[in-house]
C-alpha cells in the first residue's frame, strides 16, 4: 500500500504493528510529530489527515 504525505508518495511497511507515528518518524524521517505518552492520549503525536486532526497515530 502507498500513501501520499506532503505531496510525495511513500510505501507503507507490510508490518501491521507499525503505527502512523512510527512510519512518519522512523521510516520517512519526518520528525514534526512527537512521541509523548505513546498512547495518543496527550496529543503530542497529533497530525493532520485530510485537514483533520488525528491524535491516535
Protein backbone atom coordinates (compact mmCIF):
# COMPACT_ATOMS: atom_id res chain seq x y z
CA UNK A 1 0.00 0.00 0.00
CA UNK A 2 1.17 3.55 -0.62
CA UNK A 3 0.15 6.85 0.96
CA UNK A 4 0.69 10.46 -0.04
CA UNK A 5 2.47 12.65 2.52
CA UNK A 6 3.21 16.31 1.79
CA UNK A 7 2.80 15.66 -1.93
CA UNK A 8 5.17 12.66 -2.00
CA UNK A 9 4.17 9.02 -2.28
CA UNK A 10 5.52 6.60 0.33
CA UNK A 11 5.36 2.82 0.63
CA UNK A 12 3.70 1.57 3.82
CA UNK A 13 5.54 -1.30 5.55
CA UNK A 14 3.84 -4.70 5.47
CA UNK A 15 4.23 -4.97 9.26
CA UNK A 16 0.82 -4.11 10.76
CA UNK A 17 2.44 -3.20 14.09
CA UNK A 18 3.97 -0.02 12.56
CA UNK A 19 1.87 2.95 13.69
CA UNK A 20 1.41 6.08 11.62
CA UNK A 21 3.66 7.93 14.06
CA UNK A 22 6.42 5.32 13.68
CA UNK A 23 6.02 5.38 9.89
CA UNK A 24 6.42 9.17 9.84
CA UNK A 25 9.36 9.35 12.25
CA UNK A 26 11.28 6.09 11.84
CA UNK A 27 10.70 5.20 8.20
CA UNK A 28 10.19 8.56 6.47
CA UNK A 29 12.36 10.71 8.80
CA UNK A 30 9.59 13.30 9.29
CA UNK A 31 10.10 14.44 12.88
CA UNK A 32 7.32 17.03 13.25
CA UNK A 33 5.03 14.60 15.10
CA UNK A 34 6.34 13.87 18.58
CA UNK A 35 6.07 10.86 20.87
CA UNK A 36 4.59 11.83 24.21
CA UNK A 37 2.57 9.27 26.13
CA UNK A 38 2.94 6.59 23.38
CA UNK A 39 -0.86 6.03 23.53
CA UNK A 40 -2.31 9.05 21.69
CA UNK A 41 -3.89 10.48 24.83
CA UNK A 42 -1.71 13.58 25.36
CA UNK A 43 -1.90 14.94 21.79
CA UNK A 44 1.85 15.29 21.22
CA UNK A 45 1.66 12.94 18.23
CA UNK A 46 -1.21 14.79 16.51
CA UNK A 47 -1.01 15.03 12.73
CA UNK A 48 -3.41 16.35 10.09
CA UNK A 49 -5.10 13.69 7.96
CA UNK A 50 -7.01 15.25 5.05
CA UNK A 51 -7.13 18.51 7.03
CA UNK A 52 -8.49 16.99 10.25
CA UNK A 53 -6.51 16.43 13.46
CA UNK A 54 -5.71 12.82 14.29
CA UNK A 55 -4.01 12.11 17.61
CA UNK A 56 -4.40 8.33 17.64
CA UNK A 57 -1.43 7.54 15.46
